Structure formats: C-alpha cells, structure tokens
Amino acid sequence: ERDAWKLSHWDEFWASAQAADCRWRGAHHVLFDNSREGV
C-alpha cells in the first residue's frame, strides 16, 4: 500500500530515484546491475 504514491506519480518518483548520487566518502563503492540477470 505504501507504494501507491510511487505508482500514481511514477515519472516524478523515477526521476528523483535516478537523480540521486551517493556522495559518501570513507566507503568502498560497488555497482550491482540488477537489470539483466538479476540476483
């Protein structure tokens, strides 16, 4: 149920999700592409 807003405002939600860039220092950053084969 908590996803109702995301689904009804998908373009807004997805744009904000894509715009987010994690800038934390002091960590090792790893990219895991879950688009093709999944986990």
PDB file of all heavy atoms in Angstrom:
ATOM      1  N   GLU A   1       0.826  -1.210   0.000  1.00  0.00           N
ATOM      2  CA  GLU A   1       0.000   0.000   0.000  1.00  0.00           C
ATOM      3  C   GLU A   1       0.860   1.261   0.000  1.00  0.00           C
ATOM      4  O   GLU A   1       0.483   2.268  -0.584  1.00  0.00           O
ATOM      5  CB  GLU A   1      -0.927   0.008   1.218  1.00  0.00           C
ATOM      6  CG  GLU A   1      -2.052  -0.995   1.125  1.00  0.00           C
ATOM      7  CD  GLU A   1      -2.969  -0.919   2.334  1.00  0.00           C
ATOM      8  OE1 GLU A   1      -3.421   0.190   2.670  1.00  0.00           O
ATOM      9  OE2 GLU A   1      -3.201  -1.977   2.937  1.00  0.00           O
ATOM     10  N   ARG A   2       2.031   1.198   0.653  1.00  0.00           N
ATOM     11  CA  ARG A   2       2.881   2.377   0.749  1.00  0.00           C
ATOM     12  C   ARG A   2       3.470   2.783  -0.605  1.00  0.00           C
ATOM     13  O   ARG A   2       4.073   3.840  -0.729  1.00  0.00           O
ATOM     14  CB  ARG A   2       3.981   2.170   1.779  1.00  0.00           C
ATOM     15  CG  ARG A   2       5.008   1.144   1.404  1.00  0.00           C
ATOM     16  CD  ARG A   2       6.118   1.063   2.452  1.00  0.00           C
ATOM     17  NE  ARG A   2       7.138   0.129   2.070  1.00  0.00           N
ATOM     18  CZ  ARG A   2       7.271  -1.095   2.550  1.00  0.00           C
ATOM     19  NH1 ARG A   2       6.435  -1.538   3.463  1.00  0.00           N
ATOM     20  NH2 ARG A   2       8.234  -1.877   2.135  1.00  0.00           N
ATOM     21  N   ASP A   3       3.323   1.921  -1.627  1.00  0.00           N
ATOM     22  CA  ASP A   3       3.825   2.235  -2.960  1.00  0.00           C
ATOM     23  C   ASP A   3       2.801   2.946  -3.843  1.00  0.00           C
ATOM     24  O   ASP A   3       3.097   3.289  -4.987  1.00  0.00           O
ATOM     25  CB  ASP A   3       4.281   0.960  -3.679  1.00  0.00           C
ATOM     26  CG  ASP A   3       5.549   0.374  -3.093  1.00  0.00           C
ATOM     27  OD1 ASP A   3       6.343   1.143  -2.504  1.00  0.00           O
ATOM     28  OD2 ASP A   3       5.755  -0.846  -3.232  1.00  0.00           O
ATOM     29  N   ALA A   4       1.596   3.184  -3.339  1.00  0.00           N
ATOM     30  CA  ALA A   4       0.538   3.781  -4.155  1.00  0.00           C
ATOM     31  C   ALA A   4       0.962   5.124  -4.749  1.00  0.00           C
ATOM     32  O   ALA A   4       0.739   5.389  -5.933  1.00  0.00           O
ATOM     33  CB  ALA A   4      -0.746   3.941  -3.338  1.00  0.00           C
ATOM     34  N   TRP A   5       1.585   5.964  -3.942  1.00  0.00           N
ATOM     35  CA  TRP A   5       2.007   7.266  -4.458  1.00  0.00           C
ATOM     36  C   TRP A   5       3.054   7.097  -5.550  1.00  0.00           C
ATOM     37  O   TRP A   5       3.002   7.772  -6.580  1.00  0.00           O
ATOM     38  CB  TRP A   5       2.553   8.148  -3.338  1.00  0.00           C
ATOM     39  CG  TRP A   5       2.900   9.520  -3.826  1.00  0.00           C
ATOM     40  CD1 TRP A   5       2.075  10.612  -3.874  1.00  0.00           C
ATOM     41  CD2 TRP A   5       4.148   9.941  -4.381  1.00  0.00           C
ATOM     42  NE1 TRP A   5       2.736  11.682  -4.419  1.00  0.00           N
ATOM     43  CE2 TRP A   5       4.022  11.303  -4.744  1.00  0.00           C
ATOM     44  CE3 TRP A   5       5.358   9.315  -4.619  1.00  0.00           C
ATOM     45  CZ2 TRP A   5       5.045  12.031  -5.317  1.00  0.00           C
ATOM     46  CZ3 TRP A   5       6.393  10.041  -5.194  1.00  0.00           C
ATOM     47  CH2 TRP A   5       6.232  11.376  -5.539  1.00  0.00           C
ATOM     48  N   LYS A   6       4.030   6.223  -5.336  1.00  0.00           N
ATOM     49  CA  LYS A   6       5.068   5.993  -6.344  1.00  0.00           C
ATOM     50  C   LYS A   6       4.441   5.622  -7.683  1.00  0.00           C
ATOM     51  O   LYS A   6       4.834   6.133  -8.731  1.00  0.00           O
ATOM     52  CB  LYS A   6       6.006   4.866  -5.914  1.00  0.00           C
ATOM     53  CG  LYS A   6       6.907   5.169  -4.752  1.00  0.00           C
ATOM     54  CD  LYS A   6       7.719   3.919  -4.391  1.00  0.00           C
ATOM     55  CE  LYS A   6       8.566   4.114  -3.175  1.00  0.00           C
ATOM     56  NZ  LYS A   6       7.806   4.169  -1.925  1.00  0.00           N
ATOM     57  N   LEU A   7       3.483   4.697  -7.658  1.00  0.00           N
ATOM     58  CA  LEU A   7       2.874   4.214  -8.895  1.00  0.00           C
ATOM     59  C   LEU A   7       2.004   5.269  -9.561  1.00  0.00           C
ATOM     60  O   LEU A   7       2.014   5.387 -10.789  1.00  0.00           O
ATOM     61  CB  LEU A   7       2.077   2.938  -8.614  1.00  0.00           C
ATOM     62  CG  LEU A   7       2.942   1.740  -8.226  1.00  0.00           C
ATOM     63  CD1 LEU A   7       2.086   0.597  -7.714  1.00  0.00           C
ATOM     64  CD2 LEU A   7       3.827   1.297  -9.388  1.00  0.00           C
ATOM     65  N   SER A   8       1.294   6.053  -8.774  1.00  0.00           N
ATOM     66  CA  SER A   8       0.439   7.074  -9.377  1.00  0.00           C
ATOM     67  C   SER A   8       1.220   8.315  -9.808  1.00  0.00           C
ATOM     68  O   SER A   8       0.710   9.139 -10.563  1.00  0.00           O
ATOM     69  CB  SER A   8      -0.706   7.461  -8.436  1.00  0.00           C
ATOM     70  OG  SER A   8      -0.209   8.052  -7.267  1.00  0.00           O
ATOM     71  N   HIS A   9       2.464   8.452  -9.345  1.00  0.00           N
ATOM     72  CA  HIS A   9       3.343   9.572  -9.723  1.00  0.00           C
ATOM     73  C   HIS A   9       4.669   9.010 -10.249  1.00  0.00           C
ATOM     74  O   HIS A   9       5.741   9.472  -9.868  1.00  0.00           O
ATOM     75  CB  HIS A   9       3.598  10.486  -8.518  1.00  0.00           C
ATOM     76  CG  HIS A   9       2.370  11.133  -7.988  1.00  0.00           C
ATOM     77  ND1 HIS A   9       1.520  10.517  -7.102  1.00  0.00           N
ATOM     78  CD2 HIS A   9       1.833  12.348  -8.225  1.00  0.00           C
ATOM     79  CE1 HIS A   9       0.520  11.325  -6.816  1.00  0.00           C
ATOM     80  NE2 HIS A   9       0.686  12.446  -7.489  1.00  0.00           N
ATOM     81  N   TRP A  10       4.562   7.999 -11.096  1.00  0.00           N
ATOM     82  CA  TRP A  10       5.747   7.237 -11.491  1.00  0.00           C
ATOM     83  C   TRP A  10       6.852   8.101 -12.078  1.00  0.00           C
ATOM     84  O   TRP A  10       8.020   7.957 -11.711  1.00  0.00           O
ATOM     85  CB  TRP A  10       5.394   6.110 -12.457  1.00  0.00           C
ATOM     86  CG  TRP A  10       6.606   5.298 -12.730  1.00  0.00           C
ATOM     87  CD1 TRP A  10       7.395   5.333 -13.852  1.00  0.00           C
ATOM     88  CD2 TRP A  10       7.223   4.386 -11.830  1.00  0.00           C
ATOM     89  NE1 TRP A  10       8.452   4.483 -13.707  1.00  0.00           N
ATOM     90  CE2 TRP A  10       8.381   3.885 -12.468  1.00  0.00           C
ATOM     91  CE3 TRP A  10       6.935   3.941 -10.546  1.00  0.00           C
ATOM     92  CZ2 TRP A  10       9.222   2.966 -11.873  1.00  0.00           C
ATOM     93  CZ3 TRP A  10       7.767   3.021  -9.952  1.00  0.00           C
ATOM     94  CH2 TRP A  10       8.903   2.548 -10.611  1.00  0.00           C
ATOM     95  N   ASP A  11       6.526   8.976 -12.994  1.00  0.00           N
ATOM     96  CA  ASP A  11       7.565   9.787 -13.644  1.00  0.00           C
ATOM     97  C   ASP A  11       8.326  10.631 -12.621  1.00  0.00           C
ATOM     98  O   ASP A  11       9.556  10.725 -12.672  1.00  0.00           O
ATOM     99  CB  ASP A  11       6.969  10.677 -14.740  1.00  0.00           C
ATOM    100  CG  ASP A  11       6.469   9.870 -15.932  1.00  0.00           C
ATOM    101  OD1 ASP A  11       6.918   8.712 -16.087  1.00  0.00           O
ATOM    102  OD2 ASP A  11       5.631  10.386 -16.678  1.00  0.00           O
ATOM    103  N   GLU A  12       7.600  11.224 -11.685  1.00  0.00           N
ATOM    104  CA  GLU A  12       8.237  12.025 -10.641  1.00  0.00           C
ATOM    105  C   GLU A  12       9.116  11.157  -9.747  1.00  0.00           C
ATOM    106  O   GLU A  12      10.262  11.502  -9.431  1.00  0.00           O
ATOM    107  CB  GLU A  12       7.162  12.728  -9.815  1.00  0.00           C
ATOM    108  CG  GLU A  12       7.697  13.624  -8.732  1.00  0.00           C
ATOM    109  CD  GLU A  12       6.580  14.282  -7.928  1.00  0.00           C
ATOM    110  OE1 GLU A  12       5.397  14.247  -8.341  1.00  0.00           O
ATOM    111  OE2 GLU A  12       6.901  14.833  -6.862  1.00  0.00           O
ATOM    112  N   PHE A  13       8.572   9.998  -9.316  1.00  0.00           N
ATOM    113  CA  PHE A  13       9.338   9.092  -8.461  1.00  0.00           C
ATOM    114  C   PHE A  13      10.601   8.613  -9.175  1.00  0.00           C
ATOM    115  O   PHE A  13      11.697   8.664  -8.624  1.00  0.00           O
ATOM    116  CB  PHE A  13       8.493   7.876  -8.044  1.00  0.00           C
ATOM    117  CG  PHE A  13       9.328   6.747  -7.518  1.00  0.00           C
ATOM    118  CD1 PHE A  13       9.907   6.835  -6.264  1.00  0.00           C
ATOM    119  CD2 PHE A  13       9.566   5.616  -8.286  1.00  0.00           C
ATOM    120  CE1 PHE A  13      10.722   5.808  -5.783  1.00  0.00           C
ATOM    121  CE2 PHE A  13      10.371   4.595  -7.818  1.00  0.00           C
ATOM    122  CZ  PHE A  13      10.945   4.689  -6.562  1.00  0.00           C
ATOM    123  N   TRP A  14      10.452   8.161 -10.414  1.00  0.00           N
ATOM    124  CA  TRP A  14      11.598   7.583 -11.122  1.00  0.00           C
ATOM    125  C   TRP A  14      12.652   8.645 -11.427  1.00  0.00           C
ATOM    126  O   TRP A  14      13.852   8.385 -11.327  1.00  0.00           O
ATOM    127  CB  TRP A  14      11.148   6.856 -12.380  1.00  0.00           C
ATOM    128  CG  TRP A  14      12.259   6.081 -12.999  1.00  0.00           C
ATOM    129  CD1 TRP A  14      12.799   6.264 -14.233  1.00  0.00           C
ATOM    130  CD2 TRP A  14      13.007   5.021 -12.400  1.00  0.00           C
ATOM    131  NE1 TRP A  14      13.828   5.376 -14.438  1.00  0.00           N
ATOM    132  CE2 TRP A  14      13.979   4.601 -13.327  1.00  0.00           C
ATOM    133  CE3 TRP A  14      12.961   4.383 -11.157  1.00  0.00           C
ATOM    134  CZ2 TRP A  14      14.887   3.579 -13.060  1.00  0.00           C
ATOM    135  CZ3 TRP A  14      13.863   3.362 -10.895  1.00  0.00           C
ATOM    136  CH2 TRP A  14      14.803   2.979 -11.839  1.00  0.00           C
ATOM    137  N   ALA A  15      12.226   9.856 -11.745  1.00  0.00           N
ATOM    138  CA  ALA A  15      13.187  10.933 -11.993  1.00  0.00           C
ATOM    139  C   ALA A  15      13.997  11.236 -10.731  1.00  0.00           C
ATOM    140  O   ALA A  15      15.215  11.412 -10.794  1.00  0.00           O
ATOM    141  CB  ALA A  15      12.465  12.192 -12.477  1.00  0.00           C
ATOM    142  N   SER A  16      13.336  11.278  -9.579  1.00  0.00           N
ATOM    143  CA  SER A  16      14.073  11.561  -8.342  1.00  0.00           C
ATOM    144  C   SER A  16      14.980  10.393  -7.968  1.00  0.00           C
ATOM    145  O   SER A  16      16.076  10.587  -7.444  1.00  0.00           O
ATOM    146  CB  SER A  16      13.119  11.894  -7.195  1.00  0.00           C
ATOM    147  OG  SER A  16      12.362  10.760  -6.832  1.00  0.00           O
ATOM    148  N   ALA A  17      14.552   9.166  -8.250  1.00  0.00           N
ATOM    149  CA  ALA A  17      15.382   7.994  -7.950  1.00  0.00           C
ATOM    150  C   ALA A  17      16.641   7.983  -8.813  1.00  0.00           C
ATOM    151  O   ALA A  17      17.714   7.588  -8.362  1.00  0.00           O
ATOM    152  CB  ALA A  17      14.583   6.713  -8.166  1.00  0.00           C
ATOM    153  N   GLN A  18      16.524   8.432 -10.037  1.00  0.00           N
ATOM    154  CA  GLN A  18      17.659   8.450 -10.952  1.00  0.00           C
ATOM    155  C   GLN A  18      18.601   9.617 -10.696  1.00  0.00           C
ATOM    156  O   GLN A  18      19.788   9.532 -10.982  1.00  0.00           O
ATOM    157  CB  GLN A  18      17.170   8.508 -12.406  1.00  0.00           C
ATOM    158  CG  GLN A  18      16.417   7.273 -12.826  1.00  0.00           C
ATOM    159  CD  GLN A  18      17.220   6.017 -12.600  1.00  0.00           C
ATOM    160  OE1 GLN A  18      18.240   5.806 -13.222  1.00  0.00           O
ATOM    161  NE2 GLN A  18      16.782   5.185 -11.679  1.00  0.00           N
ATOM    162  N   ALA A  19      18.071  10.692 -10.141  1.00  0.00           N
ATOM    163  CA  ALA A  19      18.881  11.888  -9.907  1.00  0.00           C
ATOM    164  C   ALA A  19      19.786  11.743  -8.687  1.00  0.00           C
ATOM    165  O   ALA A  19      20.750  12.483  -8.538  1.00  0.00           O
ATOM    166  CB  ALA A  19      17.969  13.102  -9.738  1.00  0.00           C
ATOM    167  N   ALA A  20      19.465  10.803  -7.834  1.00  0.00           N
ATOM    168  CA  ALA A  20      20.208  10.658  -6.582  1.00  0.00           C
ATOM    169  C   ALA A  20      21.602  10.100  -6.834  1.00  0.00           C
ATOM    170  O   ALA A  20      21.764   9.072  -7.465  1.00  0.00           O
ATOM    171  CB  ALA A  20      19.434   9.751  -5.635  1.00  0.00           C
ATOM    172  N   ASP A  21      22.600  10.812  -6.342  1.00  0.00           N
ATOM    173  CA  ASP A  21      24.002  10.413  -6.489  1.00  0.00           C
ATOM    174  C   ASP A  21      24.617  10.331  -5.099  1.00  0.00           C
ATOM    175  O   ASP A  21      24.749  11.342  -4.419  1.00  0.00           O
ATOM    176  CB  ASP A  21      24.733  11.439  -7.362  1.00  0.00           C
ATOM    177  CG  ASP A  21      26.191  11.116  -7.554  1.00  0.00           C
ATOM    178  OD1 ASP A  21      26.558   9.916  -7.509  1.00  0.00           O
ATOM    179  OD2 ASP A  21      26.981  12.054  -7.751  1.00  0.00           O
ATOM    180  N   CYS A  22      24.964   9.127  -4.675  1.00  0.00           N
ATOM    181  CA  CYS A  22      25.531   8.935  -3.337  1.00  0.00           C
ATOM    182  C   CYS A  22      26.958   9.472  -3.311  1.00  0.00           C
ATOM    183  O   CYS A  22      27.830   8.977  -4.016  1.00  0.00           O
ATOM    184  CB  CYS A  22      25.506   7.458  -2.963  1.00  0.00           C
ATOM    185  SG  CYS A  22      26.106   7.157  -1.302  1.00  0.00           S
ATOM    186  N   ARG A  23      27.186  10.478  -2.469  1.00  0.00           N
ATOM    187  CA  ARG A  23      28.489  11.157  -2.400  1.00  0.00           C
ATOM    188  C   ARG A  23      29.262  10.837  -1.129  1.00  0.00           C
ATOM    189  O   ARG A  23      30.190  11.565  -0.779  1.00  0.00           O
ATOM    190  CB  ARG A  23      28.264  12.663  -2.514  1.00  0.00           C
ATOM    191  CG  ARG A  23      27.634  13.033  -3.835  1.00  0.00           C
ATOM    192  CD  ARG A  23      27.489  14.511  -3.984  1.00  0.00           C
ATOM    193  NE  ARG A  23      26.888  14.783  -5.276  1.00  0.00           N
ATOM    194  CZ  ARG A  23      26.293  15.895  -5.580  1.00  0.00           C
ATOM    195  NH1 ARG A  23      26.229  16.872  -4.705  1.00  0.00           N
ATOM    196  NH2 ARG A  23      25.770  16.057  -6.768  1.00  0.00           N
ATOM    197  N   TRP A  24      28.902   9.784  -0.447  1.00  0.00           N
ATOM    198  CA  TRP A  24      29.543   9.476   0.825  1.00  0.00           C
ATOM    199  C   TRP A  24      31.011   9.152   0.642  1.00  0.00           C
ATOM    200  O   TRP A  24      31.389   8.341  -0.195  1.00  0.00           O
ATOM    201  CB  TRP A  24      28.874   8.296   1.492  1.00  0.00           C
ATOM    202  CG  TRP A  24      27.426   8.477   1.784  1.00  0.00           C
ATOM    203  CD1 TRP A  24      26.716   9.650   1.830  1.00  0.00           C
ATOM    204  CD2 TRP A  24      26.503   7.438   2.062  1.00  0.00           C
ATOM    205  NE1 TRP A  24      25.408   9.398   2.136  1.00  0.00           N
ATOM    206  CE2 TRP A  24      25.249   8.043   2.280  1.00  0.00           C
ATOM    207  CE3 TRP A  24      26.604   6.062   2.159  1.00  0.00           C
ATOM    208  CZ2 TRP A  24      24.109   7.303   2.596  1.00  0.00           C
ATOM    209  CZ3 TRP A  24      25.474   5.327   2.468  1.00  0.00           C
ATOM    210  CH2 TRP A  24      24.242   5.961   2.685  1.00  0.00           C
ATOM    211  N   ARG A  25      31.831   9.777   1.446  1.00  0.00           N
ATOM    212  CA  ARG A  25      33.253   9.443   1.438  1.00  0.00           C
ATOM    213  C   ARG A  25      33.525   8.451   2.571  1.00  0.00           C
ATOM    214  O   ARG A  25      32.707   8.267   3.472  1.00  0.00           O
ATOM    215  CB  ARG A  25      34.103  10.691   1.563  1.00  0.00           C
ATOM    216  CG  ARG A  25      33.951  11.439   2.856  1.00  0.00           C
ATOM    217  CD  ARG A  25      34.882  12.656   2.932  1.00  0.00           C
ATOM    218  NE  ARG A  25      34.602  13.369   4.163  1.00  0.00           N
ATOM    219  CZ  ARG A  25      34.107  14.585   4.226  1.00  0.00           C
ATOM    220  NH1 ARG A  25      33.862  15.256   3.121  1.00  0.00           N
ATOM    221  NH2 ARG A  25      33.876  15.152   5.389  1.00  0.00           N
ATOM    222  N   GLY A  26      34.677   7.813   2.497  1.00  0.00           N
ATOM    223  CA  GLY A  26      35.056   6.871   3.538  1.00  0.00           C
ATOM    224  C   GLY A  26      34.492   5.480   3.348  1.00  0.00           C
ATOM    225  O   GLY A  26      34.464   4.691   4.290  1.00  0.00           O
ATOM    226  N   ALA A  27      34.034   5.172   2.131  1.00  0.00           N
ATOM    227  CA  ALA A  27      33.478   3.847   1.852  1.00  0.00           C
ATOM    228  C   ALA A  27      33.963   3.368   0.497  1.00  0.00           C
ATOM    229  O   ALA A  27      34.306   4.162  -0.378  1.00  0.00           O
ATOM    230  CB  ALA A  27      31.956   3.888   1.866  1.00  0.00           C
ATOM    231  N   HIS A  28      33.971   2.078   0.349  1.00  0.00           N
ATOM    232  CA  HIS A  28      34.217   1.450  -0.951  1.00  0.00           C
ATOM    233  C   HIS A  28      32.867   1.394  -1.656  1.00  0.00           C
ATOM    234  O   HIS A  28      31.886   0.918  -1.074  1.00  0.00           O
ATOM    235  CB  HIS A  28      34.791   0.045  -0.731  1.00  0.00           C
ATOM    236  CG  HIS A  28      35.029  -0.728  -1.970  1.00  0.00           C
ATOM    237  ND1 HIS A  28      35.903  -0.319  -2.954  1.00  0.00           N
ATOM    238  CD2 HIS A  28      34.515  -1.907  -2.385  1.00  0.00           C
ATOM    239  CE1 HIS A  28      35.906  -1.206  -3.920  1.00  0.00           C
ATOM    240  NE2 HIS A  28      35.074  -2.183  -3.606  1.00  0.00           N
ATOM    241  N   HIS A  29      32.778   1.911  -2.880  1.00  0.00           N
ATOM    242  CA  HIS A  29      31.514   1.932  -3.625  1.00  0.00           C
ATOM    243  C   HIS A  29      31.557   0.867  -4.721  1.00  0.00           C
ATOM    244  O   HIS A  29      32.513   0.805  -5.489  1.00  0.00           O
ATOM    245  CB  HIS A  29      31.267   3.312  -4.240  1.00  0.00           C
ATOM    246  CG  HIS A  29      30.970   4.361  -3.215  1.00  0.00           C
ATOM    247  ND1 HIS A  29      29.698   4.790  -2.940  1.00  0.00           N
ATOM    248  CD2 HIS A  29      31.789   5.048  -2.379  1.00  0.00           C
ATOM    249  CE1 HIS A  29      29.742   5.709  -1.987  1.00  0.00           C
ATOM    250  NE2 HIS A  29      31.000   5.889  -1.639  1.00  0.00           N
ATOM    251  N   VAL A  30      30.496   0.035  -4.762  1.00  0.00           N
ATOM    252  CA  VAL A  30      30.388  -1.054  -5.732  1.00  0.00           C
ATOM    253  C   VAL A  30      29.055  -0.917  -6.458  1.00  0.00           C
ATOM    254  O   VAL A  30      28.023  -0.642  -5.829  1.00  0.00           O
ATOM    255  CB  VAL A  30      30.443  -2.427  -5.013  1.00  0.00           C
ATOM    256  CG1 VAL A  30      30.210  -3.562  -5.988  1.00  0.00           C
ATOM    257  CG2 VAL A  30      31.762  -2.604  -4.284  1.00  0.00           C
ATOM    258  N   LEU A  31      29.067  -1.124  -7.767  1.00  0.00           N
ATOM    259  CA  LEU A  31      27.857  -1.078  -8.579  1.00  0.00           C
ATOM    260  C   LEU A  31      27.372  -2.498  -8.844  1.00  0.00           C
ATOM    261  O   LEU A  31      28.161  -3.359  -9.253  1.00  0.00           O
ATOM    262  CB  LEU A  31      28.154  -0.360  -9.898  1.00  0.00           C
ATOM    263  CG  LEU A  31      26.974  -0.049 -10.797  1.00  0.00           C
ATOM    264  CD1 LEU A  31      26.032   0.934 -10.121  1.00  0.00           C
ATOM    265  CD2 LEU A  31      27.479   0.539 -12.111  1.00  0.00           C
ATOM    266  N   PHE A  32      26.098  -2.770  -8.586  1.00  0.00           N
ATOM    267  CA  PHE A  32      25.497  -4.073  -8.883  1.00  0.00           C
ATOM    268  C   PHE A  32      24.338  -3.836  -9.833  1.00  0.00           C
ATOM    269  O   PHE A  32      23.294  -3.311  -9.441  1.00  0.00           O
ATOM    270  CB  PHE A  32      25.007  -4.760  -7.605  1.00  0.00           C
ATOM    271  CG  PHE A  32      24.476  -6.146  -7.848  1.00  0.00           C
ATOM    272  CD1 PHE A  32      25.340  -7.233  -7.855  1.00  0.00           C
ATOM    273  CD2 PHE A  32      23.132  -6.369  -8.082  1.00  0.00           C
ATOM    274  CE1 PHE A  32      24.867  -8.508  -8.094  1.00  0.00           C
ATOM    275  CE2 PHE A  32      22.647  -7.638  -8.313  1.00  0.00           C
ATOM    276  CZ  PHE A  32      23.512  -8.710  -8.322  1.00  0.00           C
ATOM    277  N   ASP A  33      24.516  -4.196 -11.100  1.00  0.00           N
ATOM    278  CA  ASP A  33      23.480  -4.018 -12.115  1.00  0.00           C
ATOM    279  C   ASP A  33      22.518  -5.197 -12.042  1.00  0.00           C
ATOM    280  O   ASP A  33      22.879  -6.325 -12.376  1.00  0.00           O
ATOM    281  CB  ASP A  33      24.109  -3.916 -13.504  1.00  0.00           C
ATOM    282  CG  ASP A  33      23.087  -3.626 -14.588  1.00  0.00           C
ATOM    283  OD1 ASP A  33      21.876  -3.609 -14.293  1.00  0.00           O
ATOM    284  OD2 ASP A  33      23.506  -3.432 -15.744  1.00  0.00           O
ATOM    285  N   ASN A  34      21.315  -4.925 -11.619  1.00  0.00           N
ATOM    286  CA  ASN A  34      20.302  -5.955 -11.443  1.00  0.00           C
ATOM    287  C   ASN A  34      19.300  -5.954 -12.588  1.00  0.00           C
ATOM    288  O   ASN A  34      18.212  -6.480 -12.466  1.00  0.00           O
ATOM    289  CB  ASN A  34      19.588  -5.740 -10.102  1.00  0.00           C
ATOM    290  CG  ASN A  34      18.874  -6.977  -9.618  1.00  0.00           C
ATOM    291  OD1 ASN A  34      19.157  -8.080 -10.056  1.00  0.00           O
ATOM    292  ND2 ASN A  34      17.940  -6.789  -8.714  1.00  0.00           N
ATOM    293  N   SER A  35      19.656  -5.358 -13.726  1.00  0.00           N
ATOM    294  CA  SER A  35      18.730  -5.248 -14.846  1.00  0.00           C
ATOM    295  C   SER A  35      18.619  -6.525 -15.656  1.00  0.00           C
ATOM    296  O   SER A  35      17.533  -6.934 -16.038  1.00  0.00           O
ATOM    297  CB  SER A  35      19.166  -4.126 -15.792  1.00  0.00           C
ATOM    298  OG  SER A  35      19.020  -2.887 -15.177  1.00  0.00           O
ATOM    299  N   ARG A  36      19.728  -7.148 -15.946  1.00  0.00           N
ATOM    300  CA  ARG A  36      19.701  -8.264 -16.884  1.00  0.00           C
ATOM    301  C   ARG A  36      19.452  -9.597 -16.206  1.00  0.00           C
ATOM    302  O   ARG A  36      18.415 -10.188 -16.326  1.00  0.00           O
ATOM    303  CB  ARG A  36      21.014  -8.293 -17.659  1.00  0.00           C
ATOM    304  CG  ARG A  36      21.145  -7.057 -18.544  1.00  0.00           C
ATOM    305  CD  ARG A  36      22.309  -7.193 -19.498  1.00  0.00           C
ATOM    306  NE  ARG A  36      22.443  -5.943 -20.239  1.00  0.00           N
ATOM    307  CZ  ARG A  36      23.391  -5.059 -20.025  1.00  0.00           C
ATOM    308  NH1 ARG A  36      24.313  -5.284 -19.125  1.00  0.00           N
ATOM    309  NH2 ARG A  36      23.437  -3.954 -20.720  1.00  0.00           N
ATOM    310  N   GLU A  37      20.451 -10.081 -15.492  1.00  0.00           N
ATOM    311  CA  GLU A  37      20.354 -11.436 -14.971  1.00  0.00           C
ATOM    312  C   GLU A  37      19.734 -11.518 -13.587  1.00  0.00           C
ATOM    313  O   GLU A  37      19.365 -12.585 -13.135  1.00  0.00           O
ATOM    314  CB  GLU A  37      21.735 -12.091 -14.979  1.00  0.00           C
ATOM    315  CG  GLU A  37      22.787 -11.302 -14.211  1.00  0.00           C
ATOM    316  CD  GLU A  37      24.176 -11.887 -14.399  1.00  0.00           C
ATOM    317  OE1 GLU A  37      24.399 -13.015 -13.945  1.00  0.00           O
ATOM    318  OE2 GLU A  37      25.019 -11.189 -14.990  1.00  0.00           O
ATOM    319  N   GLY A  38      19.606 -10.409 -12.896  1.00  0.00           N
ATOM    320  CA  GLY A  38      19.051 -10.431 -11.559  1.00  0.00           C
ATOM    321  C   GLY A  38      20.064 -10.963 -10.561  1.00  0.00           C
ATOM    322  O   GLY A  38      21.253 -11.074 -10.842  1.00  0.00           O
ATOM    323  N   VAL A  39      19.584 -11.312  -9.404  1.00  0.00           N
ATOM    324  CA  VAL A  39      20.463 -11.774  -8.331  1.00  0.00           C
ATOM    325  C   VAL A  39      20.615 -13.289  -8.457  1.00  0.00           C
ATOM    326  O   VAL A  39      19.966 -14.055  -7.744  1.00  0.00           O
ATOM    327  CB  VAL A  39      19.927 -11.358  -6.947  1.00  0.00           C
ATOM    328  CG1 VAL A  39      20.902 -11.754  -5.852  1.00  0.00           C
ATOM    329  CG2 VAL A  39      19.691  -9.857  -6.889  1.00  0.00           C
TER     330      VAL A  39
END
